[in-house]
Amino acid sequence: MNINQIQDNIIYTQATGTLTKEDYEKLLPVLKLLLEKHEKIRWLFSMEDFTGWEPVALWKDLQFDIKHVNDFEKIAMVGEKEWQKWLTNIMKPFTPAEILFFEVADREAALKWIKE
């Protein structure tokens, strides 16, 4: 997983393959640091050639998401598969954050939206 802070409260991650426990050991401290500096964060989560999560990584993700459900302002999910779009829609009722799905070809639109 590649992790970059775009500006202030915006983080960009690019997931490929399968996310592992080690990926979350890198990601979670970055997210926590952003939350110490900003009331809410925005996340551009790109999934290219992404196959999912190892069970331990999924558990870490769910734990963080539950604890910080109100700490996200916007989440842009960029993907290429129907299940990724489905996942985006499943997330919506569980957070007050605005969540939109963008096709990979529309990554620039996702970046523009996350910055607005």
PDB file of N, CA and C in Angstrom:
ATOM      1  N   MET A   1       0.843  -1.171   0.000  1.00  0.00           N
ATOM      2  CA  MET A   1       0.000   0.000   0.000  1.00  0.00           C
ATOM      3  C   MET A   1       0.890   1.235   0.000  1.00  0.00           C
ATOM      4  N   ASN A   2       0.596   2.150  -0.892  1.00  0.00           N
ATOM      5  CA  ASN A   2       1.271   3.446  -0.916  1.00  0.00           C
ATOM      6  C   ASN A   2       0.417   4.440  -0.153  1.00  0.00           C
ATOM      7  N   ILE A   3       1.053   5.254   0.689  1.00  0.00           N
ATOM      8  CA  ILE A   3       0.347   6.222   1.526  1.00  0.00           C
ATOM      9  C   ILE A   3       0.973   7.587   1.298  1.00  0.00           C
ATOM     10  N   ASN A   4       0.134   8.572   0.962  1.00  0.00           N
ATOM     11  CA  ASN A   4       0.613   9.936   0.759  1.00  0.00           C
ATOM     12  C   ASN A   4      -0.384  10.916   1.354  1.00  0.00           C
ATOM     13  N   GLN A   5       0.140  11.967   1.972  1.00  0.00           N
ATOM     14  CA  GLN A   5      -0.728  13.049   2.418  1.00  0.00           C
ATOM     15  C   GLN A   5      -0.735  14.069   1.299  1.00  0.00           C
ATOM     16  N   ILE A   6      -1.914  14.370   0.793  1.00  0.00           N
ATOM     17  CA  ILE A   6      -2.029  15.306  -0.324  1.00  0.00           C
ATOM     18  C   ILE A   6      -1.909  16.738   0.182  1.00  0.00           C
ATOM     19  N   GLN A   7      -2.696  17.062   1.168  1.00  0.00           N
ATOM     20  CA  GLN A   7      -2.635  18.374   1.802  1.00  0.00           C
ATOM     21  C   GLN A   7      -3.398  18.300   3.112  1.00  0.00           C
ATOM     22  N   ASP A   8      -3.002  19.099   4.062  1.00  0.00           N
ATOM     23  CA  ASP A   8      -3.665  19.220   5.350  1.00  0.00           C
ATOM     24  C   ASP A   8      -4.334  17.939   5.823  1.00  0.00           C
ATOM     25  N   ASN A   9      -5.655  17.843   5.654  1.00  0.00           N
ATOM     26  CA  ASN A   9      -6.427  16.726   6.199  1.00  0.00           C
ATOM     27  C   ASN A   9      -6.786  15.675   5.149  1.00  0.00           C
ATOM     28  N   ILE A  10      -6.082  15.649   4.026  1.00  0.00           N
ATOM     29  CA  ILE A  10      -6.398  14.709   2.946  1.00  0.00           C
ATOM     30  C   ILE A  10      -5.286  13.671   2.807  1.00  0.00           C
ATOM     31  N   ILE A  11      -5.692  12.415   2.842  1.00  0.00           N
ATOM     32  CA  ILE A  11      -4.757  11.311   2.667  1.00  0.00           C
ATOM     33  C   ILE A  11      -5.134  10.544   1.399  1.00  0.00           C
ATOM     34  N   TYR A  12      -4.105  10.072   0.707  1.00  0.00           N
ATOM     35  CA  TYR A  12      -4.296   9.266  -0.501  1.00  0.00           C
ATOM     36  C   TYR A  12      -3.587   7.938  -0.298  1.00  0.00           C
ATOM     37  N   THR A  13      -4.318   6.860  -0.488  1.00  0.00           N
ATOM     38  CA  THR A  13      -3.695   5.541  -0.421  1.00  0.00           C
ATOM     39  C   THR A  13      -3.998   4.794  -1.710  1.00  0.00           C
ATOM     40  N   GLN A  14      -3.047   4.011  -2.131  1.00  0.00           N
ATOM     41  CA  GLN A  14      -3.234   3.174  -3.314  1.00  0.00           C
ATOM     42  C   GLN A  14      -2.986   1.726  -2.899  1.00  0.00           C
ATOM     43  N   ALA A  15      -4.057   0.943  -2.976  1.00  0.00           N
ATOM     44  CA  ALA A  15      -3.990  -0.467  -2.590  1.00  0.00           C
ATOM     45  C   ALA A  15      -3.902  -1.334  -3.839  1.00  0.00           C
ATOM     46  N   THR A  16      -2.947  -2.245  -3.829  1.00  0.00           N
ATOM     47  CA  THR A  16      -2.827  -3.248  -4.885  1.00  0.00           C
ATOM     48  C   THR A  16      -2.654  -4.602  -4.221  1.00  0.00           C
ATOM     49  N   GLY A  17      -3.069  -5.629  -4.916  1.00  0.00           N
ATOM     50  CA  GLY A  17      -2.949  -6.960  -4.347  1.00  0.00           C
ATOM     51  C   GLY A  17      -3.828  -7.100  -3.124  1.00  0.00           C
ATOM     52  N   THR A  18      -3.288  -7.732  -2.087  1.00  0.00           N
ATOM     53  CA  THR A  18      -4.018  -7.972  -0.850  1.00  0.00           C
ATOM     54  C   THR A  18      -3.421  -7.124   0.260  1.00  0.00           C
ATOM     55  N   LEU A  19      -4.287  -6.393   0.980  1.00  0.00           N
ATOM     56  CA  LEU A  19      -3.802  -5.608   2.115  1.00  0.00           C
ATOM     57  C   LEU A  19      -3.487  -6.538   3.271  1.00  0.00           C
ATOM     58  N   THR A  20      -2.366  -6.266   3.909  1.00  0.00           N
ATOM     59  CA  THR A  20      -1.860  -7.125   4.979  1.00  0.00           C
ATOM     60  C   THR A  20      -1.866  -6.396   6.318  1.00  0.00           C
ATOM     61  N   LYS A  21      -1.600  -7.138   7.358  1.00  0.00           N
ATOM     62  CA  LYS A  21      -1.444  -6.571   8.696  1.00  0.00           C
ATOM     63  C   LYS A  21      -0.343  -5.512   8.687  1.00  0.00           C
ATOM     64  N   GLU A  22       0.738  -5.775   7.965  1.00  0.00           N
ATOM     65  CA  GLU A  22       1.855  -4.836   7.883  1.00  0.00           C
ATOM     66  C   GLU A  22       1.431  -3.525   7.219  1.00  0.00           C
ATOM     67  N   ASP A  23       0.557  -3.614   6.208  1.00  0.00           N
ATOM     68  CA  ASP A  23       0.044  -2.393   5.572  1.00  0.00           C
ATOM     69  C   ASP A  23      -0.672  -1.519   6.608  1.00  0.00           C
ATOM     70  N   TYR A  24      -1.476  -2.154   7.444  1.00  0.00           N
ATOM     71  CA  TYR A  24      -2.220  -1.402   8.458  1.00  0.00           C
ATOM     72  C   TYR A  24      -1.325  -0.906   9.574  1.00  0.00           C
ATOM     73  N   GLU A  25      -0.234  -1.594   9.833  1.00  0.00           N
ATOM     74  CA  GLU A  25       0.712  -1.105  10.824  1.00  0.00           C
ATOM     75  C   GLU A  25       1.398   0.174  10.343  1.00  0.00           C
ATOM     76  N   LYS A  26       1.451   0.381   9.037  1.00  0.00           N
ATOM     77  CA  LYS A  26       1.979   1.629   8.466  1.00  0.00           C
ATOM     78  C   LYS A  26       0.889   2.695   8.378  1.00  0.00           C
ATOM     79  N   LEU A  27      -0.313   2.280   7.969  1.00  0.00           N
ATOM     80  CA  LEU A  27      -1.400   3.217   7.708  1.00  0.00           C
ATOM     81  C   LEU A  27      -2.015   3.810   8.974  1.00  0.00           C
ATOM     82  N   LEU A  28      -2.308   2.993   9.951  1.00  0.00           N
ATOM     83  CA  LEU A  28      -3.041   3.474  11.122  1.00  0.00           C
ATOM     84  C   LEU A  28      -2.336   4.591  11.877  1.00  0.00           C
ATOM     85  N   PRO A  29      -1.021   4.547  12.079  1.00  0.00           N
ATOM     86  CA  PRO A  29      -0.369   5.692  12.730  1.00  0.00           C
ATOM     87  C   PRO A  29      -0.495   6.992  11.925  1.00  0.00           C
ATOM     88  N   VAL A  30      -0.473   6.889  10.604  1.00  0.00           N
ATOM     89  CA  VAL A  30      -0.635   8.083   9.759  1.00  0.00           C
ATOM     90  C   VAL A  30      -2.029   8.664   9.955  1.00  0.00           C
ATOM     91  N   LEU A  31      -3.050   7.806   9.939  1.00  0.00           N
ATOM     92  CA  LEU A  31      -4.420   8.272  10.140  1.00  0.00           C
ATOM     93  C   LEU A  31      -4.585   8.885  11.529  1.00  0.00           C
ATOM     94  N   LYS A  32      -4.024   8.255  12.538  1.00  0.00           N
ATOM     95  CA  LYS A  32      -4.138   8.777  13.905  1.00  0.00           C
ATOM     96  C   LYS A  32      -3.454  10.131  14.038  1.00  0.00           C
ATOM     97  N   LEU A  33      -2.312  10.296  13.400  1.00  0.00           N
ATOM     98  CA  LEU A  33      -1.615  11.580  13.427  1.00  0.00           C
ATOM     99  C   LEU A  33      -2.446  12.668  12.748  1.00  0.00           C
ATOM    100  N   LEU A  34      -3.050  12.344  11.621  1.00  0.00           N
ATOM    101  CA  LEU A  34      -3.931  13.311  10.947  1.00  0.00           C
ATOM    102  C   LEU A  34      -5.089  13.699  11.849  1.00  0.00           C
ATOM    103  N   LEU A  35      -5.653  12.740  12.552  1.00  0.00           N
ATOM    104  CA  LEU A  35      -6.785  13.026  13.434  1.00  0.00           C
ATOM    105  C   LEU A  35      -6.372  13.854  14.649  1.00  0.00           C
ATOM    106  N   GLU A  36      -5.125  13.776  15.041  1.00  0.00           N
ATOM    107  CA  GLU A  36      -4.641  14.637  16.123  1.00  0.00           C
ATOM    108  C   GLU A  36      -4.556  16.091  15.660  1.00  0.00           C
ATOM    109  N   LYS A  37      -4.305  16.292  14.374  1.00  0.00           N
ATOM    110  CA  LYS A  37      -4.135  17.632  13.822  1.00  0.00           C
ATOM    111  C   LYS A  37      -5.409  18.228  13.251  1.00  0.00           C
ATOM    112  N   HIS A  38      -6.363  17.368  12.860  1.00  0.00           N
ATOM    113  CA  HIS A  38      -7.568  17.827  12.182  1.00  0.00           C
ATOM    114  C   HIS A  38      -8.798  17.162  12.783  1.00  0.00           C
ATOM    115  N   GLU A  39      -9.866  17.932  12.865  1.00  0.00           N
ATOM    116  CA  GLU A  39     -11.110  17.392  13.419  1.00  0.00           C
ATOM    117  C   GLU A  39     -11.666  16.269  12.548  1.00  0.00           C
ATOM    118  N   LYS A  40     -11.587  16.455  11.237  1.00  0.00           N
ATOM    119  CA  LYS A  40     -12.081  15.451  10.286  1.00  0.00           C
ATOM    120  C   LYS A  40     -11.047  15.282   9.181  1.00  0.00           C
ATOM    121  N   ILE A  41     -10.991  14.068   8.626  1.00  0.00           N
ATOM    122  CA  ILE A  41     -10.077  13.831   7.515  1.00  0.00           C
ATOM    123  C   ILE A  41     -10.846  13.366   6.291  1.00  0.00           C
ATOM    124  N   ARG A  42     -10.197  13.533   5.168  1.00  0.00           N
ATOM    125  CA  ARG A  42     -10.732  13.099   3.877  1.00  0.00           C
ATOM    126  C   ARG A  42      -9.769  12.064   3.317  1.00  0.00           C
ATOM    127  N   TRP A  43     -10.338  11.028   2.684  1.00  0.00           N
ATOM    128  CA  TRP A  43      -9.517   9.905   2.242  1.00  0.00           C
ATOM    129  C   TRP A  43      -9.835   9.554   0.805  1.00  0.00           C
ATOM    130  N   LEU A  44      -8.807   9.568  -0.022  1.00  0.00           N
ATOM    131  CA  LEU A  44      -8.885   9.087  -1.405  1.00  0.00           C
ATOM    132  C   LEU A  44      -8.256   7.700  -1.402  1.00  0.00           C
ATOM    133  N   PHE A  45      -9.092   6.675  -1.565  1.00  0.00           N
ATOM    134  CA  PHE A  45      -8.657   5.278  -1.467  1.00  0.00           C
ATOM    135  C   PHE A  45      -8.745   4.663  -2.858  1.00  0.00           C
ATOM    136  N   SER A  46      -7.597   4.433  -3.469  1.00  0.00           N
ATOM    137  CA  SER A  46      -7.530   3.889  -4.828  1.00  0.00           C
ATOM    138  C   SER A  46      -7.261   2.391  -4.779  1.00  0.00           C
ATOM    139  N   MET A  47      -8.021   1.654  -5.589  1.00  0.00           N
ATOM    140  CA  MET A  47      -7.908   0.189  -5.609  1.00  0.00           C
ATOM    141  C   MET A  47      -7.686  -0.274  -7.049  1.00  0.00           C
ATOM    142  N   GLU A  48      -6.438  -0.485  -7.429  1.00  0.00           N
ATOM    143  CA  GLU A  48      -6.133  -1.019  -8.755  1.00  0.00           C
ATOM    144  C   GLU A  48      -5.443  -2.358  -8.573  1.00  0.00           C
ATOM    145  N   ASP A  49      -5.904  -3.343  -9.297  1.00  0.00           N
ATOM    146  CA  ASP A  49      -5.402  -4.713  -9.130  1.00  0.00           C
ATOM    147  C   ASP A  49      -5.511  -5.132  -7.662  1.00  0.00           C
ATOM    148  N   PHE A  50      -6.545  -4.647  -7.008  1.00  0.00           N
ATOM    149  CA  PHE A  50      -6.772  -4.894  -5.588  1.00  0.00           C
ATOM    150  C   PHE A  50      -7.650  -6.129  -5.425  1.00  0.00           C
ATOM    151  N   THR A  51      -7.221  -7.046  -4.562  1.00  0.00           N
ATOM    152  CA  THR A  51      -7.971  -8.290  -4.391  1.00  0.00           C
ATOM    153  C   THR A  51      -8.649  -8.406  -3.035  1.00  0.00           C
ATOM    154  N   GLY A  52      -8.354  -7.495  -2.105  1.00  0.00           N
ATOM    155  CA  GLY A  52      -9.019  -7.537  -0.808  1.00  0.00           C
ATOM    156  C   GLY A  52      -8.049  -7.490   0.352  1.00  0.00           C
ATOM    157  N   TRP A  53      -8.495  -8.012   1.485  1.00  0.00           N
ATOM    158  CA  TRP A  53      -7.761  -7.935   2.730  1.00  0.00           C
ATOM    159  C   TRP A  53      -7.438  -9.325   3.262  1.00  0.00           C
ATOM    160  N   GLU A  54      -6.287  -9.461   3.899  1.00  0.00           N
ATOM    161  CA  GLU A  54      -6.034 -10.636   4.731  1.00  0.00           C
ATOM    162  C   GLU A  54      -6.994 -10.511   5.916  1.00  0.00           C
ATOM    163  N   PRO A  55      -7.434 -11.618   6.506  1.00  0.00           N
ATOM    164  CA  PRO A  55      -8.378 -11.525   7.630  1.00  0.00           C
ATOM    165  C   PRO A  55      -7.908 -10.614   8.768  1.00  0.00           C
ATOM    166  N   VAL A  56      -6.657 -10.689   9.153  1.00  0.00           N
ATOM    167  CA  VAL A  56      -6.154  -9.840  10.242  1.00  0.00           C
ATOM    168  C   VAL A  56      -6.202  -8.366   9.835  1.00  0.00           C
ATOM    169  N   ALA A  57      -5.871  -8.077   8.589  1.00  0.00           N
ATOM    170  CA  ALA A  57      -5.908  -6.694   8.107  1.00  0.00           C
ATOM    171  C   ALA A  57      -7.344  -6.177   8.072  1.00  0.00           C
ATOM    172  N   LEU A  58      -8.265  -7.001   7.623  1.00  0.00           N
ATOM    173  CA  LEU A  58      -9.676  -6.598   7.595  1.00  0.00           C
ATOM    174  C   LEU A  58     -10.160  -6.308   9.011  1.00  0.00           C
ATOM    175  N   TRP A  59      -9.766  -7.116   9.971  1.00  0.00           N
ATOM    176  CA  TRP A  59     -10.155  -6.900  11.357  1.00  0.00           C
ATOM    177  C   TRP A  59      -9.603  -5.573  11.881  1.00  0.00           C
ATOM    178  N   LYS A  60      -8.332  -5.271  11.588  1.00  0.00           N
ATOM    179  CA  LYS A  60      -7.741  -3.998  12.003  1.00  0.00           C
ATOM    180  C   LYS A  60      -8.477  -2.822  11.366  1.00  0.00           C
ATOM    181  N   ASP A  61      -8.830  -2.971  10.087  1.00  0.00           N
ATOM    182  CA  ASP A  61      -9.565  -1.937   9.371  1.00  0.00           C
ATOM    183  C   ASP A  61     -10.919  -1.695  10.028  1.00  0.00           C
ATOM    184  N   LEU A  62     -11.652  -2.749  10.290  1.00  0.00           N
ATOM    185  CA  LEU A  62     -12.976  -2.619  10.900  1.00  0.00           C
ATOM    186  C   LEU A  62     -12.896  -1.997  12.293  1.00  0.00           C
ATOM    187  N   GLN A  63     -11.910  -2.389  13.079  1.00  0.00           N
ATOM    188  CA  GLN A  63     -11.749  -1.813  14.418  1.00  0.00           C
ATOM    189  C   GLN A  63     -11.519  -0.306  14.334  1.00  0.00           C
ATOM    190  N   PHE A  64     -10.642   0.108  13.427  1.00  0.00           N
ATOM    191  CA  PHE A  64     -10.356   1.535  13.276  1.00  0.00           C
ATOM    192  C   PHE A  64     -11.597   2.272  12.790  1.00  0.00           C
ATOM    193  N   ASP A  65     -12.269   1.708  11.788  1.00  0.00           N
ATOM    194  CA  ASP A  65     -13.444   2.359  11.218  1.00  0.00           C
ATOM    195  C   ASP A  65     -14.545   2.543  12.259  1.00  0.00           C
ATOM    196  N   ILE A  66     -14.762   1.553  13.092  1.00  0.00           N
ATOM    197  CA  ILE A  66     -15.805   1.653  14.119  1.00  0.00           C
ATOM    198  C   ILE A  66     -15.444   2.738  15.132  1.00  0.00           C
ATOM    199  N   LYS A  67     -14.198   2.756  15.553  1.00  0.00           N
ATOM    200  CA  LYS A  67     -13.761   3.736  16.548  1.00  0.00           C
ATOM    201  C   LYS A  67     -13.797   5.165  16.001  1.00  0.00           C
ATOM    202  N   HIS A  68     -13.549   5.319  14.705  1.00  0.00           N
ATOM    203  CA  HIS A  68     -13.427   6.658  14.117  1.00  0.00           C
ATOM    204  C   HIS A  68     -14.519   6.957  13.093  1.00  0.00           C
ATOM    205  N   VAL A  69     -15.657   6.335  13.251  1.00  0.00           N
ATOM    206  CA  VAL A  69     -16.733   6.461  12.266  1.00  0.00           C
ATOM    207  C   VAL A  69     -17.127   7.921  12.004  1.00  0.00           C
ATOM    208  N   ASN A  70     -17.034   8.777  12.999  1.00  0.00           N
ATOM    209  CA  ASN A  70     -17.435  10.181  12.837  1.00  0.00           C
ATOM    210  C   ASN A  70     -16.271  11.106  12.486  1.00  0.00           C
ATOM    211  N   ASP A  71     -15.090  10.555  12.271  1.00  0.00           N
ATOM    212  CA  ASP A  71     -13.901  11.372  12.036  1.00  0.00           C
ATOM    213  C   ASP A  71     -13.568  11.577  10.562  1.00  0.00           C
ATOM    214  N   PHE A  72     -14.392  11.006   9.693  1.00  0.00           N
ATOM    215  CA  PHE A  72     -14.174  11.173   8.254  1.00  0.00           C
ATOM    216  C   PHE A  72     -15.215  12.123   7.683  1.00  0.00           C
ATOM    217  N   GLU A  73     -14.742  13.055   6.873  1.00  0.00           N
ATOM    218  CA  GLU A  73     -15.638  14.008   6.225  1.00  0.00           C
ATOM    219  C   GLU A  73     -16.052  13.507   4.846  1.00  0.00           C
ATOM    220  N   LYS A  74     -15.069  13.038   4.075  1.00  0.00           N
ATOM    221  CA  LYS A  74     -15.309  12.536   2.723  1.00  0.00           C
ATOM    222  C   LYS A  74     -14.408  11.337   2.471  1.00  0.00           C
ATOM    223  N   ILE A  75     -14.944  10.377   1.708  1.00  0.00           N
ATOM    224  CA  ILE A  75     -14.146   9.238   1.277  1.00  0.00           C
ATOM    225  C   ILE A  75     -14.429   9.016  -0.202  1.00  0.00           C
ATOM    226  N   ALA A  76     -13.380   9.092  -1.002  1.00  0.00           N
ATOM    227  CA  ALA A  76     -13.493   8.807  -2.434  1.00  0.00           C
ATOM    228  C   ALA A  76     -12.875   7.435  -2.673  1.00  0.00           C
ATOM    229  N   MET A  77     -13.678   6.517  -3.156  1.00  0.00           N
ATOM    230  CA  MET A  77     -13.212   5.161  -3.466  1.00  0.00           C
ATOM    231  C   MET A  77     -13.021   5.092  -4.981  1.00  0.00           C
ATOM    232  N   VAL A  78     -11.807   4.795  -5.404  1.00  0.00           N
ATOM    233  CA  VAL A  78     -11.491   4.696  -6.828  1.00  0.00           C
ATOM    234  C   VAL A  78     -11.189   3.238  -7.133  1.00  0.00           C
ATOM    235  N   GLY A  79     -11.958   2.661  -8.045  1.00  0.00           N
ATOM    236  CA  GLY A  79     -11.771   1.250  -8.317  1.00  0.00           C
ATOM    237  C   GLY A  79     -12.091   0.850  -9.740  1.00  0.00           C
ATOM    238  N   GLU A  80     -11.994  -0.452  -9.966  1.00  0.00           N
ATOM    239  CA  GLU A  80     -12.157  -0.972 -11.314  1.00  0.00           C
ATOM    240  C   GLU A  80     -13.075  -2.183 -11.376  1.00  0.00           C
ATOM    241  N   LYS A  81     -13.584  -2.596 -10.219  1.00  0.00           N
ATOM    242  CA  LYS A  81     -14.392  -3.807 -10.175  1.00  0.00           C
ATOM    243  C   LYS A  81     -15.763  -3.528  -9.578  1.00  0.00           C
ATOM    244  N   GLU A  82     -16.730  -4.301  -9.982  1.00  0.00           N
ATOM    245  CA  GLU A  82     -18.098  -4.110  -9.497  1.00  0.00           C
ATOM    246  C   GLU A  82     -18.188  -4.307  -7.983  1.00  0.00           C
ATOM    247  N   TRP A  83     -17.438  -5.255  -7.423  1.00  0.00           N
ATOM    248  CA  TRP A  83     -17.523  -5.479  -5.978  1.00  0.00           C
ATOM    249  C   TRP A  83     -16.996  -4.279  -5.195  1.00  0.00           C
ATOM    250  N   GLN A  84     -16.079  -3.509  -5.799  1.00  0.00           N
ATOM    251  CA  GLN A  84     -15.559  -2.322  -5.136  1.00  0.00           C
ATOM    252  C   GLN A  84     -16.634  -1.230  -5.082  1.00  0.00           C
ATOM    253  N   LYS A  85     -17.391  -1.118  -6.144  1.00  0.00           N
ATOM    254  CA  LYS A  85     -18.506  -0.178  -6.170  1.00  0.00           C
ATOM    255  C   LYS A  85     -19.567  -0.609  -5.149  1.00  0.00           C
ATOM    256  N   TRP A  86     -19.827  -1.887  -5.095  1.00  0.00           N
ATOM    257  CA  TRP A  86     -20.785  -2.438  -4.141  1.00  0.00           C
ATOM    258  C   TRP A  86     -20.333  -2.154  -2.711  1.00  0.00           C
ATOM    259  N   LEU A  87     -19.044  -2.363  -2.440  1.00  0.00           N
ATOM    260  CA  LEU A  87     -18.483  -2.109  -1.109  1.00  0.00           C
ATOM    261  C   LEU A  87     -18.682  -0.646  -0.707  1.00  0.00           C
ATOM    262  N   THR A  88     -18.467   0.260  -1.647  1.00  0.00           N
ATOM    263  CA  THR A  88     -18.652   1.682  -1.392  1.00  0.00           C
ATOM    264  C   THR A  88     -20.089   1.957  -0.959  1.00  0.00           C
ATOM    265  N   ASN A  89     -21.044   1.377  -1.652  1.00  0.00           N
ATOM    266  CA  ASN A  89     -22.453   1.590  -1.309  1.00  0.00           C
ATOM    267  C   ASN A  89     -22.815   0.969   0.034  1.00  0.00           C
ATOM    268  N   ILE A  90     -22.199  -0.157   0.369  1.00  0.00           N
ATOM    269  CA  ILE A  90     -22.454  -0.811   1.663  1.00  0.00           C
ATOM    270  C   ILE A  90     -21.975   0.069   2.818  1.00  0.00           C
ATOM    271  N   MET A  91     -20.896   0.816   2.616  1.00  0.00           N
ATOM    272  CA  MET A  91     -20.311   1.649   3.670  1.00  0.00           C
ATOM    273  C   MET A  91     -21.196   2.843   4.041  1.00  0.00           C
ATOM    274  N   LYS A  92     -21.953   3.355   3.103  1.00  0.00           N
ATOM    275  CA  LYS A  92     -22.677   4.620   3.279  1.00  0.00           C
ATOM    276  C   LYS A  92     -23.562   4.694   4.521  1.00  0.00           C
ATOM    277  N   PRO A  93     -24.359   3.684   4.831  1.00  0.00           N
ATOM    278  CA  PRO A  93     -25.228   3.821   6.018  1.00  0.00           C
ATOM    279  C   PRO A  93     -24.485   3.803   7.362  1.00  0.00           C
ATOM    280  N   PHE A  94     -23.209   3.442   7.355  1.00  0.00           N
ATOM    281  CA  PHE A  94     -22.469   3.270   8.598  1.00  0.00           C
ATOM    282  C   PHE A  94     -21.598   4.458   8.983  1.00  0.00           C
ATOM    283  N   THR A  95     -21.657   5.521   8.208  1.00  0.00           N
ATOM    284  CA  THR A  95     -20.834   6.700   8.498  1.00  0.00           C
ATOM    285  C   THR A  95     -21.552   7.960   8.024  1.00  0.00           C
ATOM    286  N   PRO A  96     -21.368   9.060   8.731  1.00  0.00           N
ATOM    287  CA  PRO A  96     -21.923  10.325   8.254  1.00  0.00           C
ATOM    288  C   PRO A  96     -21.082  10.955   7.127  1.00  0.00           C
ATOM    289  N   ALA A  97     -19.924  10.361   6.825  1.00  0.00           N
ATOM    290  CA  ALA A  97     -19.058  10.891   5.762  1.00  0.00           C
ATOM    291  C   ALA A  97     -19.735  10.774   4.403  1.00  0.00           C
ATOM    292  N   GLU A  98     -19.430  11.731   3.531  1.00  0.00           N
ATOM    293  CA  GLU A  98     -19.848  11.601   2.137  1.00  0.00           C
ATOM    294  C   GLU A  98     -18.930  10.571   1.492  1.00  0.00           C
ATOM    295  N   ILE A  99     -19.510   9.608   0.805  1.00  0.00           N
ATOM    296  CA  ILE A  99     -18.713   8.567   0.153  1.00  0.00           C
ATOM    297  C   ILE A  99     -19.166   8.447  -1.297  1.00  0.00           C
ATOM    298  N   LEU A 100     -18.207   8.526  -2.213  1.00  0.00           N
ATOM    299  CA  LEU A 100     -18.502   8.353  -3.633  1.00  0.00           C
ATOM    300  C   LEU A 100     -17.526   7.362  -4.249  1.00  0.00           C
ATOM    301  N   PHE A 101     -18.021   6.635  -5.235  1.00  0.00           N
ATOM    302  CA  PHE A 101     -17.191   5.709  -5.998  1.00  0.00           C
ATOM    303  C   PHE A 101     -16.855   6.343  -7.336  1.00  0.00           C
ATOM    304  N   PHE A 102     -15.606   6.207  -7.761  1.00  0.00           N
ATOM    305  CA  PHE A 102     -15.136   6.697  -9.052  1.00  0.00           C
ATOM    306  C   PHE A 102     -14.425   5.560  -9.775  1.00  0.00           C
ATOM    307  N   GLU A 103     -14.629   5.471 -11.062  1.00  0.00           N
ATOM    308  CA  GLU A 103     -13.874   4.526 -11.879  1.00  0.00           C
ATOM    309  C   GLU A 103     -12.423   5.004 -11.945  1.00  0.00           C
ATOM    310  N   VAL A 104     -11.499   4.095 -12.207  1.00  0.00           N
ATOM    311  CA  VAL A 104     -10.075   4.437 -12.288  1.00  0.00           C
ATOM    312  C   VAL A 104      -9.833   5.562 -13.294  1.00  0.00           C
ATOM    313  N   ALA A 105     -10.544   5.540 -14.399  1.00  0.00           N
ATOM    314  CA  ALA A 105     -10.375   6.578 -15.423  1.00  0.00           C
ATOM    315  C   ALA A 105     -10.779   7.960 -14.908  1.00  0.00           C
ATOM    316  N   ASP A 106     -11.546   8.005 -13.830  1.00  0.00           N
ATOM    317  CA  ASP A 106     -12.030   9.269 -13.269  1.00  0.00           C
ATOM    318  C   ASP A 106     -11.276   9.679 -12.004  1.00  0.00           C
ATOM    319  N   ARG A 107     -10.052   9.189 -11.851  1.00  0.00           N
ATOM    320  CA  ARG A 107      -9.255   9.499 -10.655  1.00  0.00           C
ATOM    321  C   ARG A 107      -9.101  11.011 -10.446  1.00  0.00           C
ATOM    322  N   GLU A 108      -8.901  11.763 -11.515  1.00  0.00           N
ATOM    323  CA  GLU A 108      -8.749  13.223 -11.378  1.00  0.00           C
ATOM    324  C   GLU A 108     -10.026  13.851 -10.831  1.00  0.00           C
ATOM    325  N   ALA A 109     -11.175  13.352 -11.249  1.00  0.00           N
ATOM    326  CA  ALA A 109     -12.456  13.843 -10.722  1.00  0.00           C
ATOM    327  C   ALA A 109     -12.573  13.505  -9.233  1.00  0.00           C
ATOM    328  N   ALA A 110     -12.103  12.339  -8.846  1.00  0.00           N
ATOM    329  CA  ALA A 110     -12.115  11.952  -7.431  1.00  0.00           C
ATOM    330  C   ALA A 110     -11.229  12.882  -6.615  1.00  0.00           C
ATOM    331  N   LEU A 111     -10.058  13.193  -7.136  1.00  0.00           N
ATOM    332  CA  LEU A 111      -9.141  14.101  -6.450  1.00  0.00           C
ATOM    333  C   LEU A 111      -9.763  15.489  -6.317  1.00  0.00           C
ATOM    334  N   LYS A 112     -10.376  15.966  -7.380  1.00  0.00           N
ATOM    335  CA  LYS A 112     -11.029  17.283  -7.336  1.00  0.00           C
ATOM    336  C   LYS A 112     -12.147  17.271  -6.292  1.00  0.00           C
ATOM    337  N   TRP A 113     -12.970  16.223  -6.289  1.00  0.00           N
ATOM    338  CA  TRP A 113     -14.085  16.139  -5.343  1.00  0.00           C
ATOM    339  C   TRP A 113     -13.593  16.094  -3.899  1.00  0.00           C
ATOM    340  N   ILE A 114     -12.552  15.318  -3.636  1.00  0.00           N
ATOM    341  CA  ILE A 114     -12.065  15.162  -2.268  1.00  0.00           C
ATOM    342  C   ILE A 114     -11.499  16.488  -1.750  1.00  0.00           C
ATOM    343  N   LYS A 115     -11.008  17.344  -2.633  1.00  0.00           N
ATOM    344  CA  LYS A 115     -10.439  18.633  -2.236  1.00  0.00           C
ATOM    345  C   LYS A 115     -11.495  19.713  -2.054  1.00  0.00           C
ATOM    346  N   GLU A 116     -12.684  19.529  -2.630  1.00  0.00           N
ATOM    347  CA  GLU A 116     -13.734  20.572  -2.555  1.00  0.00           C
ATOM    348  C   GLU A 116     -14.272  20.742  -1.157  1.00  0.00           C
TER     349      GLU A 116
END
